[in-house]
Structures are given as C-alpha cells and as structure tokens.
Amino acid sequence: MADELALEVNGATATVAVSPDTPLLYALTNDLGLLGPRFGCGLGQCGACSVLVDGIEMRSCITPTSSVVGKSVTTLEGLPAYYAARMKLSPAPALHPLQQAMIAEQAAQCGYCFNGHIIKGAELLFQTPQPTDEQIRSAMNGHICRCGMYPRIMASIRRAAKTIAASSPADSENAKEAANV
C-alpha cells in the first residue's frame, strides 16, 4: 500500500506516494525524475546508487524510503548547492569542485559509476579536506568502476581537495591576515 511520504531532497520538499519499504532509489528516479543515482547491483555493493543522507553516503538501492523522512537527502544534482551551503558560498557554483575535477581528469569512461564516486568523494572531502592517498583508497573502497579508472578518480579527489582549499573563505581570510602582518 502506498503512503504519502514527504522527503527533503536537494533542499526542497517533495512528496512521493510509495510503500514505506520502497527503495529510496526508486522514489528518487521514478517519482522525482532524478538521474544522478543509478541502479547498479541492487545489493548496495557497487555504489552507483549513492546519495548523501544528512551528509553521510548511503546506498539508496537498499535504503527504505521511509527511513529518510525528516532527513536531508542530497543527490548528484543537488551537490553544488550542498557544497555552497557548507562552504558559505553565494551563489552556488554550477558544479561541485569534485565534479569539475572528474571532468578535468577525464575520470569517467562509461560514466555509470560516476555518481557513486562523486558522492563518496564529496563526503570524504567534507570530512577530511586534505586526504592522503591511503584515506582516499580507504574511503572509496566498495565503489566499483568496471572501466578501471581508479587512478584518475584518485587524481580527481586530490585536485578537488586543492581547489576547495584554495577557495575556502576561512583560508582566504587567514591568507589576508597573514599578508597584513
């Protein structure tokens, strides 16, 4: 039986009529028309369906829609605005720095895994702004790229970390203060 569930997705409230145990992925793609999260394995093992729920990466193919009611869901489409809010930037950029870095590093071959790598990489960069290669490998473990683009994905995360550090308002203020001393 379908219930009316109010979800906060990418900063907006949306109502979906789904069974409470319907996988979040289906509500996002079928009901809300979002294209970022993708059906990969359906078992939560590949990462293609990843979304941020209150800032933490979750596999939407195994997450019941009812479990995110009252929480903030961010998909690939909402990542630039989420980044802008966290970094206190206005206006929001067209792309998150990791999305830009993935394009610059040509990290996507077929692009199917792209969503999961960007979502998990963004979570990592929010938690660890300057991750080591080992921290990147550890965080990205469990995100499958069938094309084997792992070196370029790692390079993208390193590039995005540098971009974020350079554009951080706090870093800019510290640099200005240091220059005035």
N, C-alpha and C. Protein backbone atom coordinates (compact mmCIF):
# COMPACT_ATOMS: atom_id res chain seq x y z
N MET A 1 0.84 -1.17 0.00
CA MET A 1 0.00 0.00 0.00
C MET A 1 0.89 1.24 0.00
N ALA A 2 0.56 2.21 -0.83
CA ALA A 2 1.35 3.43 -0.96
C ALA A 2 0.97 4.43 0.12
N ASP A 3 2.01 5.07 0.67
CA ASP A 3 1.84 6.14 1.64
C ASP A 3 2.35 7.42 1.02
N GLU A 4 1.86 8.55 1.48
CA GLU A 4 2.39 9.85 1.06
C GLU A 4 3.55 10.15 2.01
N LEU A 5 4.76 10.18 1.48
CA LEU A 5 5.93 10.47 2.29
C LEU A 5 6.55 11.79 1.84
N ALA A 6 6.77 12.68 2.79
CA ALA A 6 7.41 13.96 2.50
C ALA A 6 8.91 13.79 2.68
N LEU A 7 9.66 14.10 1.63
CA LEU A 7 11.11 13.98 1.66
C LEU A 7 11.75 15.33 1.41
N GLU A 8 12.88 15.56 2.04
CA GLU A 8 13.68 16.74 1.71
C GLU A 8 14.79 16.26 0.79
N VAL A 9 14.71 16.66 -0.48
CA VAL A 9 15.68 16.22 -1.48
C VAL A 9 16.28 17.45 -2.14
N ASN A 10 17.57 17.57 -2.07
CA ASN A 10 18.31 18.68 -2.68
C ASN A 10 17.77 20.04 -2.24
N GLY A 11 17.42 20.12 -0.94
CA GLY A 11 16.98 21.37 -0.36
C GLY A 11 15.53 21.72 -0.57
N ALA A 12 14.77 20.87 -1.23
CA ALA A 12 13.35 21.13 -1.47
C ALA A 12 12.52 19.97 -0.91
N THR A 13 11.31 20.27 -0.52
CA THR A 13 10.41 19.24 -0.02
C THR A 13 9.64 18.65 -1.20
N ALA A 14 9.60 17.34 -1.24
CA ALA A 14 8.87 16.63 -2.29
C ALA A 14 8.05 15.53 -1.62
N THR A 15 6.87 15.30 -2.16
CA THR A 15 6.01 14.23 -1.64
C THR A 15 5.95 13.11 -2.67
N VAL A 16 6.16 11.90 -2.19
CA VAL A 16 6.08 10.73 -3.07
C VAL A 16 5.05 9.77 -2.50
N ALA A 17 4.34 9.10 -3.36
CA ALA A 17 3.36 8.09 -2.96
C ALA A 17 3.98 6.72 -3.23
N VAL A 18 4.59 6.17 -2.18
CA VAL A 18 5.26 4.88 -2.30
C VAL A 18 5.02 4.05 -1.04
N SER A 19 5.23 2.77 -1.16
CA SER A 19 5.22 1.91 0.01
C SER A 19 6.42 2.30 0.88
N PRO A 20 6.28 2.31 2.20
CA PRO A 20 7.39 2.73 3.06
C PRO A 20 8.69 1.95 2.84
N ASP A 21 8.58 0.70 2.41
CA ASP A 21 9.79 -0.09 2.21
C ASP A 21 10.34 -0.01 0.78
N THR A 22 9.75 0.84 -0.05
CA THR A 22 10.26 1.05 -1.41
C THR A 22 11.68 1.59 -1.32
N PRO A 23 12.62 1.02 -2.07
CA PRO A 23 13.98 1.56 -2.04
C PRO A 23 13.99 3.04 -2.43
N LEU A 24 14.75 3.83 -1.69
CA LEU A 24 14.86 5.26 -1.95
C LEU A 24 15.24 5.52 -3.40
N LEU A 25 16.08 4.68 -3.98
CA LEU A 25 16.49 4.85 -5.37
C LEU A 25 15.28 4.98 -6.29
N TYR A 26 14.28 4.15 -6.07
CA TYR A 26 13.10 4.17 -6.94
C TYR A 26 12.29 5.45 -6.75
N ALA A 27 12.17 5.91 -5.51
CA ALA A 27 11.45 7.16 -5.27
C ALA A 27 12.18 8.33 -5.94
N LEU A 28 13.51 8.32 -5.86
CA LEU A 28 14.29 9.41 -6.45
C LEU A 28 14.23 9.40 -7.97
N THR A 29 14.39 8.23 -8.56
CA THR A 29 14.44 8.16 -10.02
C THR A 29 13.06 8.10 -10.66
N ASN A 30 12.21 7.23 -10.18
CA ASN A 30 10.89 7.04 -10.80
C ASN A 30 9.90 8.13 -10.46
N ASP A 31 9.87 8.55 -9.20
CA ASP A 31 8.87 9.53 -8.77
C ASP A 31 9.35 10.97 -8.90
N LEU A 32 10.64 11.21 -8.63
CA LEU A 32 11.15 12.58 -8.68
C LEU A 32 11.95 12.88 -9.95
N GLY A 33 12.20 11.87 -10.76
CA GLY A 33 12.86 12.08 -12.04
C GLY A 33 14.33 12.46 -11.96
N LEU A 34 14.98 12.13 -10.87
CA LEU A 34 16.41 12.44 -10.73
C LEU A 34 17.25 11.39 -11.44
N LEU A 35 18.31 11.82 -12.08
CA LEU A 35 19.12 10.93 -12.90
C LEU A 35 20.49 10.61 -12.32
N GLY A 36 20.88 11.28 -11.23
CA GLY A 36 22.20 11.04 -10.64
C GLY A 36 22.36 9.62 -10.11
N PRO A 37 21.58 9.22 -9.10
CA PRO A 37 21.72 7.87 -8.57
C PRO A 37 21.27 6.85 -9.61
N ARG A 38 22.05 5.79 -9.72
CA ARG A 38 21.76 4.77 -10.74
C ARG A 38 21.62 3.39 -10.12
N PHE A 39 20.81 2.58 -10.75
CA PHE A 39 20.70 1.19 -10.33
C PHE A 39 21.91 0.44 -10.86
N GLY A 40 22.69 -0.12 -9.96
CA GLY A 40 23.86 -0.90 -10.37
C GLY A 40 23.63 -2.36 -10.05
N CYS A 41 23.92 -2.72 -8.80
CA CYS A 41 23.80 -4.12 -8.40
C CYS A 41 22.50 -4.42 -7.67
N GLY A 42 21.88 -3.41 -7.08
CA GLY A 42 20.66 -3.63 -6.31
C GLY A 42 20.90 -4.24 -4.95
N LEU A 43 22.18 -4.39 -4.58
CA LEU A 43 22.53 -5.02 -3.30
C LEU A 43 23.35 -4.09 -2.40
N GLY A 44 23.54 -2.85 -2.81
CA GLY A 44 24.32 -1.91 -2.03
C GLY A 44 25.82 -2.18 -2.06
N GLN A 45 26.29 -2.90 -3.07
CA GLN A 45 27.69 -3.28 -3.11
C GLN A 45 28.54 -2.50 -4.10
N CYS A 46 27.93 -1.83 -5.08
CA CYS A 46 28.74 -1.19 -6.12
C CYS A 46 28.87 0.32 -5.95
N GLY A 47 27.89 0.97 -5.32
CA GLY A 47 27.95 2.40 -5.07
C GLY A 47 27.32 3.28 -6.11
N ALA A 48 26.84 2.75 -7.21
CA ALA A 48 26.27 3.57 -8.27
C ALA A 48 25.05 4.36 -7.81
N CYS A 49 24.36 3.87 -6.80
CA CYS A 49 23.12 4.49 -6.32
C CYS A 49 23.33 5.45 -5.16
N SER A 50 24.56 5.76 -4.83
CA SER A 50 24.87 6.54 -3.62
C SER A 50 24.23 7.92 -3.60
N VAL A 51 23.80 8.31 -2.40
CA VAL A 51 23.29 9.65 -2.11
C VAL A 51 23.84 10.04 -0.74
N LEU A 52 23.78 11.31 -0.42
CA LEU A 52 24.12 11.76 0.94
C LEU A 52 22.82 11.89 1.72
N VAL A 53 22.80 11.33 2.91
CA VAL A 53 21.67 11.48 3.83
C VAL A 53 22.23 12.14 5.08
N ASP A 54 21.81 13.37 5.31
CA ASP A 54 22.37 14.19 6.39
C ASP A 54 23.90 14.20 6.32
N GLY A 55 24.42 14.27 5.08
CA GLY A 55 25.85 14.40 4.86
C GLY A 55 26.63 13.10 4.85
N ILE A 56 25.96 11.98 5.05
CA ILE A 56 26.62 10.67 5.08
C ILE A 56 26.19 9.86 3.86
N GLU A 57 27.16 9.26 3.18
CA GLU A 57 26.86 8.47 1.98
C GLU A 57 26.05 7.23 2.36
N MET A 58 24.98 7.01 1.60
CA MET A 58 24.15 5.82 1.78
C MET A 58 23.85 5.23 0.41
N ARG A 59 23.65 3.94 0.38
CA ARG A 59 23.30 3.23 -0.85
C ARG A 59 21.77 3.25 -0.96
N SER A 60 21.27 4.02 -1.90
CA SER A 60 19.81 4.22 -1.99
C SER A 60 19.06 2.99 -2.49
N CYS A 61 19.75 2.03 -3.09
CA CYS A 61 19.04 0.84 -3.59
C CYS A 61 18.60 -0.08 -2.46
N ILE A 62 19.21 0.07 -1.27
CA ILE A 62 18.84 -0.80 -0.14
C ILE A 62 18.30 0.01 1.05
N THR A 63 18.10 1.30 0.85
CA THR A 63 17.59 2.18 1.91
C THR A 63 16.09 2.37 1.72
N PRO A 64 15.27 1.95 2.68
CA PRO A 64 13.83 2.17 2.55
C PRO A 64 13.52 3.67 2.53
N THR A 65 12.64 4.07 1.66
CA THR A 65 12.28 5.48 1.55
C THR A 65 11.83 6.04 2.89
N SER A 66 11.06 5.28 3.64
CA SER A 66 10.54 5.77 4.92
C SER A 66 11.65 6.10 5.92
N SER A 67 12.83 5.50 5.75
CA SER A 67 13.91 5.74 6.71
C SER A 67 14.58 7.10 6.54
N VAL A 68 14.27 7.82 5.46
CA VAL A 68 14.89 9.13 5.26
C VAL A 68 13.91 10.28 5.48
N VAL A 69 12.68 9.96 5.89
CA VAL A 69 11.71 11.01 6.20
C VAL A 69 12.27 11.82 7.37
N GLY A 70 12.29 13.14 7.22
CA GLY A 70 12.82 14.00 8.26
C GLY A 70 14.33 14.22 8.16
N LYS A 71 14.93 13.65 7.14
CA LYS A 71 16.37 13.81 6.92
C LYS A 71 16.60 14.52 5.60
N SER A 72 17.79 15.04 5.42
CA SER A 72 18.13 15.75 4.19
C SER A 72 18.84 14.81 3.23
N VAL A 73 18.27 14.63 2.05
CA VAL A 73 18.85 13.77 1.01
C VAL A 73 19.47 14.67 -0.06
N THR A 74 20.72 14.39 -0.40
CA THR A 74 21.39 15.13 -1.46
C THR A 74 21.83 14.15 -2.53
N THR A 75 21.41 14.44 -3.76
CA THR A 75 21.83 13.62 -4.90
C THR A 75 22.89 14.38 -5.69
N LEU A 76 23.38 13.78 -6.72
CA LEU A 76 24.38 14.42 -7.58
C LEU A 76 23.89 15.77 -8.07
N GLU A 77 22.60 15.87 -8.39
CA GLU A 77 22.04 17.12 -8.89
C GLU A 77 22.10 18.25 -7.86
N GLY A 78 22.00 17.91 -6.59
CA GLY A 78 21.99 18.91 -5.53
C GLY A 78 23.34 19.16 -4.89
N LEU A 79 24.36 18.45 -5.34
CA LEU A 79 25.68 18.55 -4.71
C LEU A 79 26.29 19.96 -4.78
N PRO A 80 26.19 20.69 -5.90
CA PRO A 80 26.76 22.05 -5.91
C PRO A 80 26.12 22.97 -4.86
N ALA A 81 24.81 22.91 -4.70
CA ALA A 81 24.13 23.75 -3.71
C ALA A 81 24.50 23.31 -2.30
N TYR A 82 24.63 22.01 -2.07
CA TYR A 82 25.02 21.48 -0.77
C TYR A 82 26.43 21.97 -0.42
N TYR A 83 27.33 21.92 -1.40
CA TYR A 83 28.70 22.40 -1.23
C TYR A 83 28.69 23.90 -0.90
N ALA A 84 27.92 24.68 -1.65
CA ALA A 84 27.86 26.12 -1.43
C ALA A 84 27.35 26.44 -0.02
N ALA A 85 26.34 25.72 0.44
CA ALA A 85 25.81 25.94 1.78
C ALA A 85 26.86 25.62 2.84
N ARG A 86 27.56 24.51 2.67
CA ARG A 86 28.59 24.12 3.65
C ARG A 86 29.77 25.07 3.67
N MET A 87 30.10 25.60 2.49
CA MET A 87 31.26 26.49 2.37
C MET A 87 30.88 27.96 2.50
N LYS A 88 29.58 28.23 2.67
CA LYS A 88 29.08 29.60 2.78
C LYS A 88 29.44 30.42 1.54
N LEU A 89 29.17 29.83 0.38
CA LEU A 89 29.42 30.50 -0.91
C LEU A 89 28.09 30.94 -1.51
N SER A 90 28.12 32.06 -2.16
CA SER A 90 26.93 32.52 -2.86
C SER A 90 27.38 33.27 -4.10
N PRO A 91 26.83 32.96 -5.23
CA PRO A 91 25.86 31.91 -5.50
C PRO A 91 26.54 30.54 -5.56
N ALA A 92 25.71 29.51 -5.62
CA ALA A 92 26.25 28.15 -5.73
C ALA A 92 26.91 27.98 -7.10
N PRO A 93 28.01 27.26 -7.14
CA PRO A 93 28.64 27.00 -8.43
C PRO A 93 27.79 26.04 -9.27
N ALA A 94 28.04 26.02 -10.55
CA ALA A 94 27.31 25.10 -11.44
C ALA A 94 27.65 23.65 -11.13
N LEU A 95 28.90 23.41 -10.72
CA LEU A 95 29.37 22.06 -10.40
C LEU A 95 30.14 22.09 -9.08
N HIS A 96 30.07 21.00 -8.36
CA HIS A 96 30.91 20.80 -7.17
C HIS A 96 32.35 20.69 -7.66
N PRO A 97 33.35 21.13 -6.88
CA PRO A 97 34.74 21.01 -7.32
C PRO A 97 35.15 19.59 -7.73
N LEU A 98 34.57 18.58 -7.10
CA LEU A 98 34.90 17.21 -7.49
C LEU A 98 34.31 16.87 -8.85
N GLN A 99 33.13 17.38 -9.15
CA GLN A 99 32.56 17.17 -10.48
C GLN A 99 33.47 17.82 -11.53
N GLN A 100 33.93 19.03 -11.26
CA GLN A 100 34.85 19.72 -12.18
C GLN A 100 36.14 18.94 -12.33
N ALA A 101 36.67 18.44 -11.21
CA ALA A 101 37.94 17.70 -11.25
C ALA A 101 37.79 16.38 -12.02
N MET A 102 36.66 15.71 -11.87
CA MET A 102 36.44 14.46 -12.60
C MET A 102 36.43 14.72 -14.11
N ILE A 103 35.85 15.83 -14.51
CA ILE A 103 35.84 16.19 -15.93
C ILE A 103 37.26 16.52 -16.38
N ALA A 104 37.96 17.34 -15.61
CA ALA A 104 39.32 17.75 -15.97
C ALA A 104 40.28 16.57 -16.06
N GLU A 105 40.12 15.60 -15.17
CA GLU A 105 41.00 14.42 -15.15
C GLU A 105 40.51 13.33 -16.10
N GLN A 106 39.41 13.56 -16.76
CA GLN A 106 38.79 12.56 -17.65
C GLN A 106 38.63 11.22 -16.91
N ALA A 107 38.02 11.32 -15.73
CA ALA A 107 37.91 10.15 -14.85
C ALA A 107 36.77 9.22 -15.19
N ALA A 108 35.89 9.62 -16.08
CA ALA A 108 34.77 8.75 -16.43
C ALA A 108 34.97 8.19 -17.84
N GLN A 109 34.90 6.89 -17.94
CA GLN A 109 34.94 6.29 -19.28
C GLN A 109 33.51 6.02 -19.70
N CYS A 110 32.86 5.04 -19.08
CA CYS A 110 31.45 4.81 -19.43
C CYS A 110 30.55 5.72 -18.62
N GLY A 111 30.99 6.14 -17.42
CA GLY A 111 30.25 7.08 -16.60
C GLY A 111 29.22 6.47 -15.69
N TYR A 112 29.05 5.17 -15.72
CA TYR A 112 27.99 4.57 -14.93
C TYR A 112 28.24 4.70 -13.42
N CYS A 113 29.49 4.58 -13.02
CA CYS A 113 29.84 4.65 -11.60
C CYS A 113 30.05 6.07 -11.11
N PHE A 114 30.08 7.01 -12.03
CA PHE A 114 30.41 8.41 -11.76
C PHE A 114 29.67 8.96 -10.55
N ASN A 115 28.37 8.73 -10.47
CA ASN A 115 27.56 9.24 -9.36
C ASN A 115 28.13 8.79 -8.01
N GLY A 116 28.35 7.51 -7.86
CA GLY A 116 28.82 6.98 -6.57
C GLY A 116 30.19 7.50 -6.18
N HIS A 117 31.08 7.59 -7.15
CA HIS A 117 32.42 8.09 -6.84
C HIS A 117 32.37 9.56 -6.44
N ILE A 118 31.55 10.35 -7.09
CA ILE A 118 31.46 11.77 -6.74
C ILE A 118 30.80 11.95 -5.37
N ILE A 119 29.73 11.23 -5.11
CA ILE A 119 29.05 11.35 -3.82
C ILE A 119 30.00 10.93 -2.69
N LYS A 120 30.64 9.79 -2.82
CA LYS A 120 31.54 9.32 -1.75
C LYS A 120 32.76 10.23 -1.64
N GLY A 121 33.29 10.67 -2.77
CA GLY A 121 34.43 11.58 -2.75
C GLY A 121 34.08 12.90 -2.09
N ALA A 122 32.88 13.41 -2.35
CA ALA A 122 32.44 14.66 -1.73
C ALA A 122 32.30 14.48 -0.22
N GLU A 123 31.74 13.35 0.20
CA GLU A 123 31.63 13.07 1.64
C GLU A 123 33.02 13.06 2.26
N LEU A 124 33.96 12.38 1.61
CA LEU A 124 35.34 12.32 2.12
C LEU A 124 35.92 13.73 2.25
N LEU A 125 35.76 14.56 1.23
CA LEU A 125 36.34 15.90 1.25
C LEU A 125 35.68 16.79 2.30
N PHE A 126 34.41 16.56 2.62
CA PHE A 126 33.77 17.31 3.70
C PHE A 126 34.33 16.88 5.05
N GLN A 127 34.60 15.58 5.20
CA GLN A 127 35.10 15.06 6.48
C GLN A 127 36.60 15.25 6.63
N THR A 128 37.34 15.11 5.53
CA THR A 128 38.80 15.17 5.54
C THR A 128 39.23 16.06 4.38
N PRO A 129 39.35 17.35 4.59
CA PRO A 129 39.61 18.27 3.49
C PRO A 129 40.90 18.02 2.71
N GLN A 130 41.91 17.46 3.34
CA GLN A 130 43.18 17.17 2.66
C GLN A 130 43.53 15.69 2.87
N PRO A 131 42.79 14.79 2.23
CA PRO A 131 43.02 13.36 2.48
C PRO A 131 44.33 12.86 1.85
N THR A 132 44.92 11.89 2.52
CA THR A 132 46.09 11.21 1.97
C THR A 132 45.62 10.19 0.94
N ASP A 133 46.54 9.66 0.16
CA ASP A 133 46.16 8.63 -0.81
C ASP A 133 45.54 7.42 -0.10
N GLU A 134 46.09 7.06 1.05
CA GLU A 134 45.54 5.92 1.79
C GLU A 134 44.11 6.21 2.26
N GLN A 135 43.84 7.43 2.71
CA GLN A 135 42.49 7.80 3.13
C GLN A 135 41.53 7.79 1.94
N ILE A 136 42.01 8.21 0.79
CA ILE A 136 41.17 8.18 -0.41
C ILE A 136 40.85 6.73 -0.77
N ARG A 137 41.88 5.88 -0.81
CA ARG A 137 41.66 4.46 -1.15
C ARG A 137 40.69 3.81 -0.18
N SER A 138 40.87 4.09 1.11
CA SER A 138 40.01 3.50 2.13
C SER A 138 38.57 3.96 1.97
N ALA A 139 38.37 5.26 1.76
CA ALA A 139 37.02 5.79 1.62
C ALA A 139 36.33 5.26 0.37
N MET A 140 37.08 5.13 -0.71
CA MET A 140 36.48 4.74 -1.98
C MET A 140 36.34 3.21 -2.12
N ASN A 141 36.87 2.47 -1.16
CA ASN A 141 36.74 1.02 -1.18
C ASN A 141 35.26 0.65 -1.20
N GLY A 142 34.88 -0.20 -2.12
CA GLY A 142 33.47 -0.60 -2.24
C GLY A 142 32.73 0.16 -3.32
N HIS A 143 33.41 1.08 -3.98
CA HIS A 143 32.83 1.77 -5.13
C HIS A 143 33.50 1.19 -6.37
N ILE A 144 32.71 0.50 -7.14
CA ILE A 144 33.24 -0.25 -8.27
C ILE A 144 33.21 0.59 -9.54
N CYS A 145 34.34 0.55 -10.26
CA CYS A 145 34.44 1.15 -11.59
C CYS A 145 34.83 0.02 -12.53
N ARG A 146 33.90 -0.42 -13.33
CA ARG A 146 34.18 -1.54 -14.22
C ARG A 146 35.19 -1.20 -15.30
N CYS A 147 35.39 0.10 -15.56
CA CYS A 147 36.35 0.54 -16.58
C CYS A 147 37.75 0.68 -16.01
N GLY A 148 37.92 0.60 -14.70
CA GLY A 148 39.24 0.67 -14.08
C GLY A 148 39.84 2.06 -14.04
N MET A 149 39.02 3.07 -13.85
CA MET A 149 39.50 4.45 -13.85
C MET A 149 39.99 4.92 -12.48
N TYR A 150 40.33 3.99 -11.61
CA TYR A 150 40.70 4.33 -10.23
C TYR A 150 41.83 5.35 -10.11
N PRO A 151 42.92 5.25 -10.89
CA PRO A 151 43.98 6.28 -10.77
C PRO A 151 43.46 7.69 -11.09
N ARG A 152 42.60 7.81 -12.07
CA ARG A 152 42.06 9.13 -12.43
C ARG A 152 41.05 9.61 -11.41
N ILE A 153 40.32 8.69 -10.81
CA ILE A 153 39.38 9.07 -9.75
C ILE A 153 40.16 9.60 -8.55
N MET A 154 41.24 8.92 -8.19
CA MET A 154 42.09 9.41 -7.09
C MET A 154 42.68 10.77 -7.42
N ALA A 155 43.15 10.95 -8.64
CA ALA A 155 43.71 12.24 -9.06
C ALA A 155 42.64 13.33 -8.98
N SER A 156 41.41 12.98 -9.31
CA SER A 156 40.31 13.94 -9.25
C SER A 156 40.05 14.39 -7.82
N ILE A 157 40.08 13.45 -6.89
CA ILE A 157 39.84 13.79 -5.49
C ILE A 157 40.98 14.68 -4.97
N ARG A 158 42.21 14.36 -5.33
CA ARG A 158 43.34 15.21 -4.92
C ARG A 158 43.20 16.61 -5.51
N ARG A 159 42.81 16.70 -6.78
CA ARG A 159 42.64 18.00 -7.45
C ARG A 159 41.52 18.80 -6.78
N ALA A 160 40.40 18.14 -6.49
CA ALA A 160 39.28 18.83 -5.84
C ALA A 160 39.67 19.32 -4.46
N ALA A 161 40.46 18.54 -3.72
CA ALA A 161 40.91 18.96 -2.39
C ALA A 161 41.71 20.25 -2.48
N LYS A 162 42.57 20.37 -3.50
CA LYS A 162 43.36 21.59 -3.69
C LYS A 162 42.45 22.76 -4.05
N THR A 163 41.48 22.52 -4.91
CA THR A 163 40.54 23.58 -5.32
C THR A 163 39.74 24.08 -4.13
N ILE A 164 39.25 23.15 -3.33
CA ILE A 164 38.44 23.52 -2.17
C ILE A 164 39.29 24.30 -1.17
N ALA A 165 40.51 23.85 -0.93
CA ALA A 165 41.39 24.55 0.00
C ALA A 165 41.68 25.97 -0.48
N ALA A 166 41.86 26.12 -1.78
CA ALA A 166 42.18 27.44 -2.34
C ALA A 166 40.98 28.38 -2.32
N SER A 167 39.77 27.83 -2.34
CA SER A 167 38.58 28.67 -2.41
C SER A 167 37.86 28.80 -1.07
N SER A 168 38.39 28.18 -0.04
CA SER A 168 37.75 28.22 1.27
C SER A 168 37.76 29.64 1.83
N PRO A 169 36.58 30.17 2.21
CA PRO A 169 36.53 31.52 2.77
C PRO A 169 37.43 31.67 3.99
N ALA A 170 37.49 30.66 4.84
CA ALA A 170 38.34 30.73 6.03
C ALA A 170 39.80 30.83 5.63
N ASP A 171 40.22 30.06 4.63
CA ASP A 171 41.60 30.11 4.18
C ASP A 171 41.92 31.46 3.56
N SER A 172 40.97 32.03 2.83
CA SER A 172 41.17 33.33 2.22
C SER A 172 41.35 34.40 3.29
N GLU A 173 40.54 34.34 4.35
CA GLU A 173 40.66 35.31 5.45
C GLU A 173 42.00 35.15 6.15
N ASN A 174 42.43 33.88 6.37
CA ASN A 174 43.72 33.65 7.02
C ASN A 174 44.86 34.17 6.16
N ALA A 175 44.75 33.98 4.85
CA ALA A 175 45.79 34.45 3.94
C ALA A 175 45.86 35.98 3.96
N LYS A 176 44.69 36.64 4.01
CA LYS A 176 44.66 38.10 4.06
C LYS A 176 45.29 38.61 5.34
N GLU A 177 44.96 37.95 6.48
CA GLU A 177 45.52 38.36 7.76
C GLU A 177 47.03 38.19 7.77
N ALA A 178 47.49 37.06 7.22
CA ALA A 178 48.93 36.80 7.18
C ALA A 178 49.64 37.83 6.30
N ALA A 179 49.01 38.26 5.22
CA ALA A 179 49.62 39.24 4.33
C ALA A 179 49.70 40.61 4.99
N ASN A 180 48.78 40.93 5.91
CA ASN A 180 48.77 42.22 6.59
C ASN A 180 49.75 42.29 7.76
N VAL A 181 50.29 41.18 8.17
CA VAL A 181 51.20 41.15 9.32
C VAL A 181 52.59 41.60 8.94
